[in-house]
Amino acid sequence: MNRSMFPTDSYQFARPAPKSPRIASRRGGKTSSNMFSDQSAGKGSRMGLFLLVLMSLIALLAVFTMIDSNYVRVEQVQVVIPGMDSAFEGFSILHISDLHGKRFGAKQQQLKRALDNVHFDAVCITGDITGQGTGPYDAFYELLEILEPSAKRPVFFVAGDDDPPALIGEPGATADVLAEFIIGAQRRGAIYVDAPQRFNGTDRLRAVGKSVWIMPGSLLGLDLKNAQDQYENQLRKDQESENANSPGIKARERLIKHQLEVLERAQAAYDPESPDYMQPGDLRVALVHTPLRPDFIRTLQNAGGANTAGSAYARVLDLVLAGHYNGGQVRLPFIGPVYVPGDDLPRSGWFPGNRRVQGLSQVSGIAQHISPGLGTSSAYSVPIRLFNSPRVTVLRLTSSLPIGD
């Protein structure tokens, strides 16, 4: 009968293995197995230290970004406009853009502190004020409250592509043509720029009879007379239509009448018989949201005479104020913006450089200032500002070239 070598009810105890010969190590030395263990432990320690340092740097960067993104800086920039009338020497504009509904402290108090003791004659806001959605618009309204619009220091503004549509052309419960956030801003003293706006509120300007004209980008390059004819023809067709009283036709009628009124104000700026006539030598400042391309400005300049009501509008500009890019939002020291979306820049995409992204530049002989902005845009996939402090800019105008230029 076959029996198992190891019966289930018995226990076998292994004999101790004979000692294998060992290579004697030097006094104070280590065996090879210990050496490998120490090397692995050393590598693990170094990797752990590297990860700890990396995590610490990331944490510090996150804290820095959070603090920096909520602290507004005020830049001072001198803008040279050759041939500018001496009446505008030293005239200063506070340029604000791309708030995107952001708050800097309760009721914008941090922004208010940043502007304390800063002199400026007028404020220009170049869009993307509210952020996406349909309200609330409290952050924008609180900004207006700290700016305290007045006849002596007005606040002008235009809408941007991240704001709700400025005009309401669809049938609805309201009879208003302008968007809610625009009407709310007007009630707080701000001036929505959809036609040329005249400002001569300083004592110096009144004394010499000169004016600053704040002009909307929405009318740049537009043939005013042709646009008026088209609106009037459409209005006539709607009023003679069988559906003239339908909600859709009535909504469009309100919109067309508003646009005709805007065109009339624009034409009056070029009518010598009008009290709001744009005098030669007045200063012309255009407010746009997206910066103007050089080829567009050259087209305006080459189109013909400047002060003709029936031809292309605003061919002569002294200064263009824009925003839109937020300085690229994510920037690297000494390199600049990492990425700028869109195809309307000479160098959009990855690492476009500062050119046409922020700051002051000359575009076909016209000064254009692009605000670095205050908030973050939905056009960027990462909603942060890195090495890119929120900034507003005080532009001081002069006709004198800096020494050395």
Protein backbone atom coordinates (compact mmCIF):
# COMPACT_ATOMS: atom_id res chain seq x y z
CA MET A 1 0.00 0.00 0.00
CA ASN A 2 1.27 3.40 -0.95
CA ARG A 3 1.65 5.80 1.90
CA SER A 4 1.98 9.51 1.70
CA MET A 5 5.40 10.82 2.44
CA PHE A 6 3.84 13.39 4.80
CA PRO A 7 0.86 11.95 6.63
CA THR A 8 -1.81 14.48 7.43
CA ASP A 9 -1.68 13.67 11.14
CA SER A 10 2.09 14.06 11.49
CA TYR A 11 4.40 17.08 11.48
CA GLN A 12 7.76 17.33 9.82
CA PHE A 13 10.38 19.76 11.08
CA ALA A 14 12.97 20.88 8.56
CA ARG A 15 16.54 20.61 9.54
CA PRO A 16 18.49 23.80 9.77
CA ALA A 17 20.18 24.57 6.48
CA PRO A 18 23.94 24.39 6.58
CA LYS A 19 25.59 27.71 6.73
CA SER A 20 26.77 28.81 3.34
CA PRO A 21 30.18 30.33 3.05
CA ARG A 22 30.05 34.14 3.15
CA ILE A 23 32.48 36.59 1.80
CA ALA A 24 33.82 38.54 4.70
CA SER A 25 33.19 42.23 4.44
CA ARG A 26 35.62 44.82 5.44
CA ARG A 27 35.27 46.25 8.88
CA GLY A 28 32.60 48.87 8.74
CA GLY A 29 31.46 47.71 5.29
CA LYS A 30 28.03 46.53 4.20
CA THR A 31 26.86 43.46 2.44
CA SER A 32 25.74 43.80 -1.16
CA SER A 33 22.09 43.27 -0.18
CA ASN A 34 22.27 46.11 2.31
CA MET A 35 23.92 48.32 -0.28
CA PHE A 36 21.02 47.82 -2.73
CA SER A 37 18.50 48.45 0.06
CA ASP A 38 20.21 51.70 1.04
CA GLN A 39 20.37 52.85 -2.58
CA SER A 40 16.64 52.19 -3.03
CA ALA A 41 15.90 53.98 0.22
CA GLY A 42 18.04 56.92 -0.93
CA LYS A 43 16.19 57.16 -4.22
CA GLY A 44 12.86 56.97 -2.43
CA SER A 45 13.90 59.73 -0.04
CA ARG A 46 14.98 61.97 -2.87
CA MET A 47 11.75 61.34 -4.79
CA GLY A 48 9.72 62.06 -1.67
CA LEU A 49 11.64 65.29 -1.12
CA PHE A 50 11.10 66.30 -4.77
CA LEU A 51 7.36 65.67 -4.51
CA LEU A 52 7.18 67.60 -1.25
CA VAL A 53 8.98 70.57 -2.79
CA LEU A 54 6.77 70.38 -5.89
CA MET A 55 3.57 70.27 -3.86
CA SER A 56 4.79 73.16 -1.73
CA LEU A 57 5.52 75.23 -4.84
CA ILE A 58 2.08 74.43 -6.26
CA ALA A 59 0.45 75.41 -2.99
CA LEU A 60 2.42 78.66 -2.86
CA LEU A 61 1.53 79.40 -6.49
CA ALA A 62 -2.15 78.79 -5.76
CA VAL A 63 -2.06 81.14 -2.76
CA PHE A 64 -0.16 83.76 -4.76
CA THR A 65 -2.65 83.51 -7.64
CA MET A 66 -5.64 83.82 -5.32
CA ILE A 67 -4.22 86.90 -3.60
CA ASP A 68 -2.88 88.50 -6.77
CA SER A 69 -6.13 87.99 -8.70
CA ASN A 70 -8.04 89.96 -6.08
CA TYR A 71 -5.67 92.93 -5.86
CA VAL A 72 -6.13 95.71 -8.43
CA ARG A 73 -3.15 97.68 -9.66
CA VAL A 74 -3.32 101.11 -11.28
CA GLU A 75 -1.02 101.75 -14.24
CA GLN A 76 0.02 105.21 -15.39
CA VAL A 77 0.60 105.47 -19.15
CA GLN A 78 1.53 108.52 -21.20
CA VAL A 79 -0.09 108.66 -24.65
CA VAL A 80 1.59 110.80 -27.29
CA ILE A 81 -0.79 112.25 -29.90
CA PRO A 82 1.25 114.37 -32.32
CA GLY A 83 -0.49 117.56 -33.37
CA MET A 84 -3.02 117.41 -30.55
CA ASP A 85 -4.41 120.77 -29.47
CA SER A 86 -2.72 122.14 -26.36
CA ALA A 87 -6.13 122.31 -24.65
CA PHE A 88 -5.94 118.53 -24.14
CA GLU A 89 -2.43 118.49 -22.73
CA GLY A 90 -2.52 116.42 -19.54
CA PHE A 91 -6.13 115.30 -20.07
CA SER A 92 -6.47 111.93 -18.34
CA ILE A 93 -8.75 108.95 -18.97
CA LEU A 94 -9.27 106.05 -16.60
CA HIS A 95 -9.52 103.00 -18.85
CA ILE A 96 -11.35 99.97 -17.40
CA SER A 97 -12.27 96.77 -19.21
CA ASP A 98 -13.36 93.17 -18.80
CA LEU A 99 -14.74 93.21 -15.29
CA HIS A 100 -16.71 90.03 -16.08
CA GLY A 101 -18.91 90.54 -13.03
CA LYS A 102 -16.00 90.22 -10.61
CA ARG A 103 -16.00 91.83 -7.15
CA PHE A 104 -12.88 93.20 -5.50
CA GLY A 105 -13.96 93.21 -1.90
CA ALA A 106 -17.38 94.04 -0.58
CA LYS A 107 -19.01 96.60 -2.90
CA GLN A 108 -15.72 96.93 -4.83
CA GLN A 109 -13.98 98.54 -1.86
CA GLN A 110 -10.52 97.22 -2.77
CA LEU A 111 -10.87 98.80 -6.19
CA LYS A 112 -12.06 102.00 -4.57
CA ARG A 113 -8.98 102.10 -2.33
CA ALA A 114 -6.76 101.55 -5.36
CA LEU A 115 -8.31 104.62 -7.02
CA ASP A 116 -8.13 106.87 -3.99
CA ASN A 117 -6.00 109.94 -4.72
CA VAL A 118 -5.75 109.00 -8.42
CA HIS A 119 -6.67 111.91 -10.71
CA PHE A 120 -8.59 111.37 -13.96
CA ASP A 121 -10.94 113.56 -15.99
CA ALA A 122 -13.18 110.84 -17.46
CA VAL A 123 -13.75 107.09 -17.29
CA CYS A 124 -14.04 104.81 -20.33
CA ILE A 125 -15.20 101.18 -19.91
CA THR A 126 -14.69 98.97 -22.97
CA GLY A 127 -17.04 96.04 -22.47
CA ASP A 128 -17.35 92.56 -20.97
CA ILE A 129 -18.65 94.22 -17.85
CA THR A 130 -21.27 91.82 -16.56
CA GLY A 131 -20.06 88.38 -17.55
CA GLN A 132 -22.30 85.79 -19.15
CA GLY A 133 -25.93 85.33 -18.25
CA THR A 134 -28.74 87.75 -17.59
CA GLY A 135 -27.83 89.18 -14.24
CA PRO A 136 -27.61 90.06 -11.50
CA TYR A 137 -25.41 93.00 -12.45
CA ASP A 138 -24.52 94.11 -8.95
CA ALA A 139 -20.75 93.98 -9.47
CA PHE A 140 -21.03 96.41 -12.39
CA TYR A 141 -23.43 98.68 -10.54
CA GLU A 142 -21.13 98.72 -7.49
CA LEU A 143 -18.26 99.72 -9.78
CA LEU A 144 -20.31 102.68 -11.00
CA GLU A 145 -21.15 103.67 -7.43
CA ILE A 146 -17.47 103.96 -6.47
CA LEU A 147 -16.71 105.87 -9.69
CA GLU A 148 -19.48 108.39 -8.91
CA PRO A 149 -20.35 109.52 -12.46
CA SER A 150 -20.96 113.24 -12.82
CA ALA A 151 -21.01 115.97 -15.45
CA LYS A 152 -17.47 116.94 -14.45
CA ARG A 153 -16.15 113.35 -14.45
CA PRO A 154 -18.39 111.22 -16.68
CA VAL A 155 -18.32 107.44 -17.09
CA PHE A 156 -18.70 106.20 -20.68
CA PHE A 157 -19.16 102.54 -21.53
CA VAL A 158 -19.80 100.08 -24.36
CA ALA A 159 -20.80 96.40 -24.25
CA GLY A 160 -18.60 93.41 -25.06
CA ASP A 161 -19.13 89.96 -26.52
CA ASP A 162 -19.47 88.38 -23.06
CA ASP A 163 -22.20 90.84 -22.08
CA PRO A 164 -25.89 90.27 -22.89
CA PRO A 165 -26.95 91.73 -26.26
CA ALA A 166 -27.14 95.51 -25.94
CA LEU A 167 -30.36 95.80 -27.95
CA ILE A 168 -33.57 93.83 -27.55
CA GLY A 169 -35.06 93.10 -30.97
CA GLU A 170 -37.36 90.25 -30.05
CA PRO A 171 -40.98 90.50 -28.89
CA GLY A 172 -41.37 90.34 -25.14
CA ALA A 173 -43.06 91.77 -22.10
CA THR A 174 -40.85 94.87 -22.04
CA ALA A 175 -41.07 97.79 -24.41
CA ASP A 176 -37.43 98.71 -23.77
CA VAL A 177 -34.95 98.51 -26.63
CA LEU A 178 -31.80 98.72 -24.51
CA ALA A 179 -30.75 95.77 -22.37
CA GLU A 180 -31.47 95.74 -18.65
CA PHE A 181 -27.84 96.23 -17.58
CA ILE A 182 -27.54 99.31 -19.83
CA ILE A 183 -30.68 100.90 -18.44
CA GLY A 184 -29.50 100.12 -14.91
CA ALA A 185 -26.16 101.79 -15.61
CA GLN A 186 -27.85 104.85 -17.09
CA ARG A 187 -29.95 105.22 -13.96
CA ARG A 188 -26.68 105.33 -12.00
CA GLY A 189 -25.32 108.15 -14.16
CA ALA A 190 -23.21 106.24 -16.70
CA ILE A 191 -23.37 107.09 -20.42
CA TYR A 192 -23.90 104.29 -22.91
CA VAL A 193 -21.98 105.14 -26.07
CA ASP A 194 -23.99 104.17 -29.14
CA ALA A 195 -23.51 107.54 -30.86
CA PRO A 196 -20.83 110.26 -30.50
CA GLN A 197 -20.85 111.75 -27.00
CA ARG A 198 -19.46 115.20 -26.38
CA PHE A 199 -17.54 116.07 -23.21
CA ASN A 200 -16.20 119.51 -22.35
CA GLY A 201 -16.82 119.44 -18.62
CA THR A 202 -13.42 120.64 -17.44
CA ASP A 203 -12.84 124.33 -16.86
CA ARG A 204 -9.92 124.31 -19.27
CA LEU A 205 -11.91 122.82 -22.14
CA ARG A 206 -14.83 125.18 -21.64
CA ALA A 207 -12.49 128.15 -21.55
CA VAL A 208 -11.07 127.40 -25.00
CA GLY A 209 -14.21 125.91 -26.56
CA LYS A 210 -12.77 122.46 -27.19
CA SER A 211 -14.44 119.09 -26.70
CA VAL A 212 -13.55 115.43 -26.31
CA TRP A 213 -15.73 113.17 -28.45
CA ILE A 214 -16.26 109.63 -27.21
CA MET A 215 -17.26 107.55 -30.22
CA PRO A 216 -18.67 103.99 -30.48
CA GLY A 217 -16.90 101.30 -32.40
CA SER A 218 -20.29 100.04 -33.60
CA LEU A 219 -20.47 102.91 -36.12
CA LEU A 220 -16.90 102.82 -37.36
CA GLY A 221 -16.79 102.49 -41.12
CA LEU A 222 -20.56 102.79 -41.46
CA ASP A 223 -22.09 104.89 -44.25
CA LEU A 224 -24.60 106.83 -42.17
CA LYS A 225 -26.82 107.99 -45.04
CA ASN A 226 -27.03 104.55 -46.61
CA ALA A 227 -27.81 102.94 -43.23
CA GLN A 228 -30.54 105.51 -42.61
CA ASP A 229 -32.14 104.79 -46.00
CA GLN A 230 -32.18 101.05 -45.35
CA TYR A 231 -33.79 101.44 -41.92
CA GLU A 232 -36.44 103.82 -43.26
CA ASN A 233 -37.31 101.48 -46.14
CA GLN A 234 -37.69 98.55 -43.74
CA LEU A 235 -39.81 100.62 -41.37
CA ARG A 236 -42.08 101.64 -44.22
CA LYS A 237 -42.53 98.04 -45.34
CA ASP A 238 -43.34 96.90 -41.82
CA GLN A 239 -45.90 99.64 -41.27
CA GLU A 240 -47.64 98.83 -44.57
CA SER A 241 -47.61 95.08 -43.90
CA GLU A 242 -50.76 93.10 -43.13
CA ASN A 243 -49.03 91.96 -39.92
CA ALA A 244 -48.06 95.47 -38.86
CA ASN A 245 -49.56 94.97 -35.40
CA SER A 246 -47.99 91.59 -34.69
CA PRO A 247 -45.61 91.41 -31.68
CA GLY A 248 -42.62 90.61 -33.89
CA ILE A 249 -43.19 93.55 -36.26
CA LYS A 250 -43.80 95.91 -33.35
CA ALA A 251 -40.59 94.82 -31.65
CA ARG A 252 -38.62 95.41 -34.85
CA GLU A 253 -40.30 98.78 -35.29
CA ARG A 254 -39.08 99.87 -31.85
CA LEU A 255 -35.58 98.68 -32.69
CA ILE A 256 -35.49 100.46 -36.05
CA LYS A 257 -36.74 103.73 -34.56
CA HIS A 258 -34.01 103.52 -31.93
CA GLN A 259 -31.36 102.93 -34.59
CA LEU A 260 -32.62 105.86 -36.66
CA GLU A 261 -32.35 108.10 -33.60
CA VAL A 262 -28.77 106.91 -33.08
CA LEU A 263 -27.92 107.70 -36.71
CA GLU A 264 -29.44 111.17 -36.39
CA ARG A 265 -27.21 111.92 -33.39
CA ALA A 266 -24.18 110.64 -35.29
CA GLN A 267 -24.98 112.79 -38.32
CA ALA A 268 -25.49 115.85 -36.11
CA ALA A 269 -21.89 115.53 -34.95
CA TYR A 270 -20.83 116.31 -38.55
CA ASP A 271 -23.42 119.00 -39.29
CA PRO A 272 -21.92 122.53 -39.02
CA GLU A 273 -25.42 123.87 -38.23
CA SER A 274 -25.77 121.56 -35.23
CA PRO A 275 -24.87 122.72 -31.70
CA ASP A 276 -23.20 119.30 -31.28
CA TYR A 277 -20.93 119.79 -34.27
CA MET A 278 -17.53 118.08 -34.07
CA GLN A 279 -15.11 120.95 -34.51
CA PRO A 280 -11.75 120.55 -36.24
CA GLY A 281 -9.17 120.17 -33.50
CA ASP A 282 -11.54 118.37 -31.12
CA LEU A 283 -10.22 115.12 -29.65
CA ARG A 284 -11.74 111.88 -30.96
CA VAL A 285 -11.60 108.76 -28.80
CA ALA A 286 -13.18 105.51 -30.04
CA LEU A 287 -14.43 102.88 -27.60
CA VAL A 288 -14.36 99.33 -28.96
CA HIS A 289 -14.28 95.99 -27.23
CA THR A 290 -12.15 93.96 -29.63
CA PRO A 291 -9.01 95.84 -30.72
CA LEU A 292 -9.02 97.29 -34.21
CA ARG A 293 -6.91 95.53 -36.82
CA PRO A 294 -4.37 97.62 -38.73
CA ASP A 295 -5.98 96.79 -42.08
CA PHE A 296 -9.37 98.05 -40.83
CA ILE A 297 -7.86 101.34 -39.65
CA ARG A 298 -6.05 101.78 -42.97
CA THR A 299 -9.35 101.24 -44.77
CA LEU A 300 -10.94 104.01 -42.71
CA GLN A 301 -8.04 106.35 -43.36
CA ASN A 302 -8.09 105.76 -47.12
CA ALA A 303 -11.85 106.07 -47.57
CA GLY A 304 -11.92 109.83 -48.15
CA GLY A 305 -12.89 113.04 -46.37
CA ALA A 306 -13.39 112.85 -42.64
CA ASN A 307 -16.16 115.20 -41.63
CA THR A 308 -18.89 114.32 -44.11
CA ALA A 309 -22.13 113.14 -42.55
CA GLY A 310 -23.17 110.98 -45.48
CA SER A 311 -19.94 109.07 -45.93
CA ALA A 312 -18.01 106.60 -43.83
CA TYR A 313 -18.05 107.46 -40.16
CA ALA A 314 -15.11 108.51 -38.00
CA ARG A 315 -12.24 108.25 -40.42
CA VAL A 316 -10.13 110.48 -38.22
CA LEU A 317 -9.35 109.03 -34.79
CA ASP A 318 -6.86 110.17 -32.20
CA LEU A 319 -7.10 107.30 -29.74
CA VAL A 320 -8.72 103.86 -29.66
CA LEU A 321 -9.50 102.14 -26.35
CA ALA A 322 -10.12 98.38 -26.36
CA GLY A 323 -10.03 95.28 -24.16
CA HIS A 324 -11.15 91.70 -24.84
CA TYR A 325 -7.91 89.73 -24.31
CA ASN A 326 -7.35 90.13 -20.55
CA GLY A 327 -3.63 90.20 -21.25
CA GLY A 328 -3.82 86.51 -22.16
CA GLN A 329 -4.96 85.66 -18.58
CA VAL A 330 -2.18 83.10 -18.04
CA ARG A 331 1.25 84.67 -18.52
CA LEU A 332 4.83 83.60 -17.91
CA PRO A 333 7.53 85.97 -16.63
CA PHE A 334 9.71 87.40 -19.44
CA ILE A 335 7.60 85.53 -22.04
CA GLY A 336 4.13 87.01 -21.85
CA PRO A 337 0.79 85.39 -22.62
CA VAL A 338 0.77 81.62 -23.04
CA TYR A 339 -2.29 81.49 -25.29
CA VAL A 340 -4.74 83.91 -26.88
CA PRO A 341 -7.87 82.45 -28.52
CA GLY A 342 -9.32 83.65 -31.79
CA ASP A 343 -7.95 84.46 -35.22
CA ASP A 344 -8.25 88.25 -35.21
CA LEU A 345 -4.71 88.96 -34.01
CA PRO A 346 -1.55 89.03 -36.13
CA ARG A 347 -0.15 86.40 -33.74
CA SER A 348 -2.99 84.64 -31.95
CA GLY A 349 -2.67 81.12 -30.60
CA TRP A 350 0.21 79.87 -28.48
CA PHE A 351 2.79 82.34 -27.17
CA PRO A 352 1.61 85.30 -29.28
CA GLY A 353 3.77 87.89 -27.49
CA ASN A 354 2.49 91.17 -26.10
CA ARG A 355 1.97 92.83 -29.47
CA ARG A 356 -1.70 93.74 -29.87
CA VAL A 357 -2.60 91.82 -26.69
CA GLN A 358 -2.26 94.54 -24.07
CA GLY A 359 -0.76 97.95 -23.57
CA LEU A 360 -0.20 100.92 -25.86
CA SER A 361 0.75 100.63 -29.50
CA GLN A 362 0.57 102.63 -32.71
CA VAL A 363 -1.74 101.18 -35.35
CA SER A 364 -1.26 102.94 -38.69
CA GLY A 365 -0.33 106.12 -36.84
CA ILE A 366 -3.25 105.95 -34.39
CA ALA A 367 -2.67 105.25 -30.70
CA GLN A 368 -4.52 102.15 -29.47
CA HIS A 369 -4.55 101.08 -25.84
CA ILE A 370 -5.65 97.55 -24.95
CA SER A 371 -6.56 97.15 -21.30
CA PRO A 372 -5.13 94.15 -19.40
CA GLY A 373 -8.58 93.84 -17.84
CA LEU A 374 -9.85 92.88 -14.41
CA GLY A 375 -11.61 89.53 -14.61
CA THR A 376 -11.52 86.24 -16.49
CA SER A 377 -13.17 85.50 -19.83
CA SER A 378 -15.14 82.41 -20.83
CA ALA A 379 -13.08 82.35 -24.05
CA TYR A 380 -10.20 80.86 -22.06
CA SER A 381 -10.48 77.26 -20.90
CA VAL A 382 -8.72 77.99 -17.59
CA PRO A 383 -10.64 80.63 -15.55
CA ILE A 384 -7.61 82.10 -13.73
CA ARG A 385 -5.19 84.97 -14.06
CA LEU A 386 -1.60 83.80 -13.52
CA PHE A 387 1.26 86.32 -13.24
CA ASN A 388 -1.29 88.77 -14.62
CA SER A 389 -2.57 91.14 -11.96
CA PRO A 390 -5.95 92.80 -12.57
CA ARG A 391 -5.24 96.32 -13.74
CA VAL A 392 -6.86 99.59 -14.67
CA THR A 393 -4.96 102.29 -16.54
CA VAL A 394 -4.79 106.06 -16.30
CA LEU A 395 -3.92 107.43 -19.74
CA ARG A 396 -2.41 110.92 -19.73
CA LEU A 397 -2.44 112.66 -23.09
CA THR A 398 0.38 114.76 -24.45
CA SER A 399 1.51 116.07 -27.82
CA SER A 400 5.17 116.06 -26.83
CA LEU A 401 7.42 113.16 -27.70
CA PRO A 402 9.43 111.79 -24.78
CA ILE A 403 13.03 112.94 -24.60
CA GLY A 404 15.23 110.61 -26.61
CA ASP A 405 12.52 109.56 -29.08
